[in-house]
N, C-alpha and C. Protein backbone atom coordinates (compact mmCIF):
# COMPACT_ATOMS: atom_id res chain seq x y z
N LEU A 1 51.69 47.61 50.40
CA LEU A 1 50.32 46.90 50.88
C LEU A 1 49.42 48.04 50.30
N MET A 2 49.50 49.13 50.70
CA MET A 2 48.38 50.07 50.47
C MET A 2 48.82 50.06 48.83
N ASN A 3 49.54 50.25 48.67
CA ASN A 3 49.86 50.45 47.11
C ASN A 3 49.30 49.70 46.38
N GLN A 4 49.39 48.43 46.76
CA GLN A 4 49.33 47.26 46.07
C GLN A 4 47.69 46.95 46.19
N VAL A 5 47.07 47.68 46.67
CA VAL A 5 45.53 47.36 47.41
C VAL A 5 44.69 48.71 46.50
N CYS A 6 45.26 50.09 46.46
CA CYS A 6 44.83 50.74 46.13
C CYS A 6 45.09 51.72 44.46
N VAL A 7 46.47 51.31 44.26
CA VAL A 7 47.00 51.86 43.19
C VAL A 7 46.97 50.82 41.92
N GLY A 8 47.22 49.34 42.65
CA GLY A 8 47.11 48.54 41.80
C GLY A 8 46.36 47.92 40.33
N PRO A 9 44.76 48.51 41.09
CA PRO A 9 43.68 47.60 39.96
C PRO A 9 43.47 48.78 39.16
N PHE A 10 44.02 49.66 39.22
CA PHE A 10 44.04 51.23 38.28
C PHE A 10 45.27 51.10 37.20
N ASN A 11 46.36 50.73 38.20
CA ASN A 11 47.87 50.78 37.43
C ASN A 11 47.49 49.56 36.19
N SER A 12 46.92 48.49 36.27
CA SER A 12 46.64 47.39 35.93
C SER A 12 45.57 47.98 34.60
N ALA A 13 45.06 48.22 35.07
CA ALA A 13 43.53 48.91 34.27
C ALA A 13 43.75 49.77 32.87
N PHE A 14 44.63 50.88 33.89
CA PHE A 14 45.20 51.55 32.44
C PHE A 14 46.40 51.19 31.68
N PHE A 15 47.28 50.08 32.09
CA PHE A 15 48.26 49.64 31.44
C PHE A 15 47.65 48.88 30.12
N LEU A 16 46.42 47.70 30.41
CA LEU A 16 45.58 47.20 29.38
C LEU A 16 45.43 48.38 28.72
N ALA A 17 44.94 49.15 28.89
CA ALA A 17 43.85 49.89 28.19
C ALA A 17 44.80 50.95 27.25
N TRP A 18 45.85 51.31 27.80
CA TRP A 18 46.68 51.70 27.01
C TRP A 18 47.99 50.95 25.66
N SER A 19 47.96 49.82 26.30
CA SER A 19 48.43 49.00 25.07
C SER A 19 47.57 48.34 24.20
N LEU A 20 46.30 48.08 24.27
CA LEU A 20 45.27 47.73 23.28
C LEU A 20 44.47 49.08 22.61
N ALA A 21 44.83 49.93 23.15
CA ALA A 21 44.47 51.35 22.22
C ALA A 21 45.68 51.47 20.91
N VAL A 22 47.04 51.44 22.05
CA VAL A 22 48.54 51.91 20.62
C VAL A 22 48.05 50.88 20.00
N GLY A 23 48.24 49.51 20.30
CA GLY A 23 48.29 48.70 19.31
C GLY A 23 46.93 48.62 18.22
N ALA A 24 45.90 48.95 18.68
CA ALA A 24 44.34 49.02 17.53
C ALA A 24 44.91 50.15 16.29
N TRP A 25 45.66 51.63 17.41
CA TRP A 25 45.87 52.69 16.76
C TRP A 25 47.26 52.65 15.18
N LEU A 26 48.41 51.48 15.97
CA LEU A 26 49.26 51.41 15.11
C LEU A 26 48.77 49.92 13.78
N HIS A 27 47.77 49.15 14.21
CA HIS A 27 47.23 48.51 13.33
C HIS A 27 46.29 48.93 12.49
N SER A 28 45.62 49.97 12.56
CA SER A 28 44.60 50.81 12.07
C SER A 28 45.14 51.09 10.39
N GLY A 29 46.60 51.54 10.20
CA GLY A 29 47.34 52.30 9.62
C GLY A 29 47.54 50.90 8.24
N GLU A 30 47.44 49.61 8.70
CA GLU A 30 47.93 48.29 8.18
C GLU A 30 46.54 48.19 7.04
N ARG A 31 45.58 48.78 7.63
CA ARG A 31 44.22 48.00 7.12
C ARG A 31 44.52 48.94 5.45
N GLY A 32 45.12 49.78 5.39
CA GLY A 32 44.61 50.37 3.76
C GLY A 32 44.79 51.99 4.55
N SER A 33 44.75 52.94 3.76
CA SER A 33 44.59 54.05 4.14
C SER A 33 43.24 54.76 4.52
N GLY A 34 42.34 54.29 3.90
CA GLY A 34 41.06 54.49 4.63
C GLY A 34 40.23 54.21 5.96
N SER A 35 41.08 53.09 5.86
CA SER A 35 40.30 52.76 7.78
C SER A 35 40.76 53.73 8.55
N GLU A 36 39.48 53.28 9.79
CA GLU A 36 39.30 54.60 10.65
C GLU A 36 39.62 53.21 12.17
N LEU A 37 39.98 53.93 12.91
CA LEU A 37 39.62 53.17 14.43
C LEU A 37 38.79 53.16 14.57
N ASP A 38 37.80 51.99 14.87
CA ASP A 38 36.50 52.07 15.58
C ASP A 38 36.30 51.87 17.10
N LEU A 39 36.40 53.52 17.89
CA LEU A 39 36.40 53.22 19.07
C LEU A 39 35.36 52.35 19.87
N PRO A 40 34.00 52.49 19.59
CA PRO A 40 33.37 52.05 20.05
C PRO A 40 33.59 50.43 20.64
N ALA A 41 34.02 49.93 19.72
CA ALA A 41 34.72 48.58 19.41
C ALA A 41 35.64 48.35 20.08
N LEU A 42 36.70 49.41 20.04
CA LEU A 42 37.82 49.03 21.13
C LEU A 42 37.63 49.39 22.76
N ALA A 43 36.70 50.31 23.02
CA ALA A 43 36.38 50.78 23.88
C ALA A 43 35.80 49.26 24.29
N GLY A 44 35.09 48.57 23.95
CA GLY A 44 34.22 47.14 24.37
C GLY A 44 35.35 46.38 24.79
N GLU A 45 36.20 46.37 23.64
CA GLU A 45 37.70 45.46 23.74
C GLU A 45 38.38 45.63 24.88
N ILE A 46 38.33 46.54 25.33
CA ILE A 46 39.29 46.99 26.54
C ILE A 46 38.51 46.94 27.47
N ALA A 47 37.29 46.81 27.89
CA ALA A 47 36.43 46.63 29.05
C ALA A 47 36.33 45.11 28.84
N ALA A 48 36.42 43.92 27.99
CA ALA A 48 36.53 43.30 28.07
C ALA A 48 37.42 42.28 28.60
N LYS A 49 38.55 43.24 28.10
CA LYS A 49 39.69 42.32 28.63
C LYS A 49 40.21 42.97 29.74
N ALA A 50 39.90 44.04 30.22
CA ALA A 50 40.36 45.25 31.72
C ALA A 50 39.56 43.59 32.85
N ARG A 51 37.93 43.29 32.56
CA ARG A 51 37.13 42.31 33.48
C ARG A 51 37.48 41.26 33.43
N GLU A 52 38.60 40.51 32.57
CA GLU A 52 39.07 39.46 32.35
C GLU A 52 40.78 39.61 32.97
N GLU A 53 41.34 40.56 32.65
CA GLU A 53 42.63 39.74 33.31
C GLU A 53 42.58 40.71 34.45
N VAL A 54 42.26 42.25 34.70
CA VAL A 54 42.82 43.06 36.21
C VAL A 54 42.47 42.27 37.48
N PRO A 55 41.39 41.25 37.54
CA PRO A 55 41.79 40.88 39.06
C PRO A 55 43.24 39.53 39.35
N GLY A 56 43.25 38.92 38.36
CA GLY A 56 44.46 38.05 37.70
C GLY A 56 45.46 38.79 38.23
N LEU A 57 45.78 39.92 37.58
CA LEU A 57 46.99 41.13 37.31
C LEU A 57 46.87 41.47 38.95
N VAL A 58 45.70 41.91 39.53
CA VAL A 58 46.17 42.16 40.94
C VAL A 58 46.73 41.02 41.80
N LEU A 59 46.31 40.30 41.55
CA LEU A 59 46.87 39.39 42.43
C LEU A 59 48.30 38.87 41.85
N ALA A 60 48.63 38.90 41.17
CA ALA A 60 50.04 38.54 40.96
C ALA A 60 50.73 40.05 40.93
N SER A 61 50.03 41.16 41.09
CA SER A 61 50.93 42.00 41.39
C SER A 61 51.15 41.90 43.20
N GLY A 62 50.37 41.51 44.05
CA GLY A 62 50.63 41.78 45.24
C GLY A 62 52.06 40.42 45.34
N VAL A 63 51.77 39.22 44.56
CA VAL A 63 52.56 38.02 44.83
C VAL A 63 53.62 38.40 44.77
N PHE A 64 54.16 38.74 43.66
CA PHE A 64 55.23 39.52 42.86
C PHE A 64 55.77 41.06 43.81
N TRP A 65 55.42 41.98 44.17
CA TRP A 65 55.80 42.86 44.82
C TRP A 65 55.80 42.60 46.45
N LEU A 66 55.00 42.77 46.38
CA LEU A 66 55.08 42.46 47.79
C LEU A 66 56.61 41.74 48.54
N PRO A 67 57.31 40.19 48.13
CA PRO A 67 58.15 39.81 48.06
C PRO A 67 59.13 40.28 47.59
N ALA A 68 59.27 40.94 46.67
CA ALA A 68 60.23 42.03 46.12
C ALA A 68 60.64 43.08 46.69
N ASN A 69 59.74 44.11 47.33
CA ASN A 69 59.71 44.98 48.53
C ASN A 69 60.47 44.51 49.38
N ALA A 70 60.20 43.30 50.03
CA ALA A 70 60.64 42.82 51.28
C ALA A 70 61.83 42.44 51.42
N ALA A 71 62.32 41.73 50.20
CA ALA A 71 63.64 41.17 49.82
C ALA A 71 64.65 42.46 49.49
N ASN A 72 64.10 43.34 48.76
CA ASN A 72 64.60 44.55 48.66
C ASN A 72 64.97 45.57 50.38
N PHE A 73 64.59 45.49 51.09
CA PHE A 73 64.77 46.23 51.90
C PHE A 73 65.53 45.57 53.52
N MET A 74 65.27 44.11 53.08
CA MET A 74 65.66 43.02 54.24
C MET A 74 67.10 42.61 53.71
N PHE A 75 67.69 42.49 52.53
CA PHE A 75 68.44 41.82 52.06
C PHE A 75 69.43 42.61 51.27
N VAL A 76 68.82 43.13 50.28
CA VAL A 76 69.81 44.52 49.26
C VAL A 76 70.16 45.50 50.04
N PRO A 77 71.73 45.56 49.79
CA PRO A 77 72.55 46.41 50.41
C PRO A 77 71.62 48.03 49.79
N THR A 78 71.97 49.12 50.72
CA THR A 78 71.32 49.96 50.20
C THR A 78 71.98 50.68 48.69
N HIS A 79 73.00 50.45 48.34
CA HIS A 79 73.53 51.18 47.16
C HIS A 79 73.05 50.44 45.90
N LEU A 80 72.52 49.47 46.54
CA LEU A 80 71.89 48.34 44.94
C LEU A 80 70.42 48.16 45.14
N ARG A 81 69.71 48.93 45.82
CA ARG A 81 68.24 49.21 46.01
C ARG A 81 67.47 49.31 44.56
N ILE A 82 68.03 50.70 44.35
CA ILE A 82 67.70 51.04 43.35
C ILE A 82 67.61 50.11 42.05
N LEU A 83 68.93 49.55 41.49
CA LEU A 83 69.24 48.59 40.52
C LEU A 83 68.53 47.32 40.83
N PHE A 84 67.84 46.82 42.03
CA PHE A 84 67.38 45.77 41.93
C PHE A 84 65.81 46.15 41.97
N MET A 85 65.15 47.41 42.10
CA MET A 85 63.81 47.38 41.89
C MET A 85 63.19 47.61 40.28
N SER A 86 64.64 48.44 39.72
CA SER A 86 64.41 48.41 38.38
C SER A 86 64.83 47.04 37.88
N SER A 87 65.07 46.34 37.94
CA SER A 87 65.30 45.00 37.71
C SER A 87 63.50 44.15 37.61
N CYS A 88 63.68 44.36 38.79
CA CYS A 88 62.09 44.03 39.39
C CYS A 88 61.22 44.15 38.22
N SER A 89 61.04 45.77 37.61
CA SER A 89 60.28 46.23 37.54
C SER A 89 60.68 46.11 35.82
N VAL A 90 61.41 45.35 35.41
CA VAL A 90 61.73 45.34 33.99
C VAL A 90 61.08 44.00 33.69
N VAL A 91 61.25 42.74 34.96
CA VAL A 91 60.48 41.43 34.58
C VAL A 91 58.92 42.06 34.77
N TRP A 92 58.53 42.73 35.51
CA TRP A 92 56.94 42.66 35.91
C TRP A 92 56.52 43.35 34.43
N GLY A 93 56.88 44.54 33.61
CA GLY A 93 56.75 44.67 32.81
C GLY A 93 56.58 43.91 31.32
N ALA A 94 57.55 43.02 31.54
CA ALA A 94 57.25 42.15 30.55
C ALA A 94 56.09 41.20 30.95
N TYR A 95 55.84 40.83 31.98
CA TYR A 95 54.72 39.90 32.16
C TYR A 95 53.60 40.76 32.32
N LEU A 96 53.07 41.95 32.37
CA LEU A 96 52.16 42.59 31.86
C LEU A 96 51.97 42.85 29.96
N SER A 97 52.62 42.88 29.40
CA SER A 97 52.96 42.92 27.94
C SER A 97 52.58 41.56 27.61
N PHE A 98 53.04 40.44 28.27
CA PHE A 98 52.58 38.95 28.22
C PHE A 98 50.87 38.72 28.48
N VAL A 99 50.75 39.37 29.24
CA VAL A 99 49.42 39.45 29.84
C VAL A 99 48.01 39.80 28.40
N VAL A 100 48.59 41.25 28.33
CA VAL A 100 47.97 41.64 26.86
C VAL A 100 47.94 41.36 25.81
N HIS A 101 48.93 40.25 25.50
CA HIS A 101 49.48 40.11 24.40
C HIS A 101 48.69 38.51 24.21
N ARG A 102 48.35 37.73 25.07
CA ARG A 102 48.24 36.92 25.06
C ARG A 102 46.97 36.24 24.62
């Protein structure tokens, strides 16, 4: 629970910022050889996207990870716990990617 409250918002915001920055950097080369990355515009886009998406991501994180962790410790055999949580991480990463690119 503390992880979701303390680290979740920063993790979500960092993932959004990183994904948008890398996407903008990769697409800046497509516009031609003379185009440069507009950092102030990118910072504004990242801030707007973070204000829009982070509260929902924090809520979704709690809805996803709290039951996943509870199920992991209550029902999953010890030797399969890493596999289970890694599988959950793949699903969560796919959801984060979907949110960033919608």
